Amino acid sequence: MTELQNLMNEVAAEWAIVPASYPTTEGMTPEEVFDFGVRHSALHLAKSVAKIAKYAEARDHGNPGDLAEVKETTVKMFLTIIRLAHLQNISAAEIAELSPALIYETSNKGKV
């Protein structure tokens, strides 16, 4: 778990929401910075989903698609998600604690 928490901390430090990186955050309140972080993360995730859809659509038409791009995109999505978790003060330990129930809940939806 320490490795994941260290990665979360590293990503949060590298992708800090500061005016030097995101000029529009100048003068924002902490709540506005949080909202900016959530929105910005959602935009990155949307871009990533589009890249994965591009691969799937190419494959549906019998074209090879770019599997390397899917791999890179998957990692970037993971990094965005852990940044979003860190932004909400969700620790790696909390992710591990909450995950089993959410996996079970999701896998059993619609089952009788």
Foldseek 3Di string as FASTA:
>chain_A
DVVLQVLLVVLCVVPPQDCVVVVVCVPPDLVVSLVVLVVVLVVLVVVLVVLVVQQVVCVVVVHRRDVVSNVVSVVVNVSSVSNNCVSVVNGPVNCVVPVVVVVVVVVCPPPD
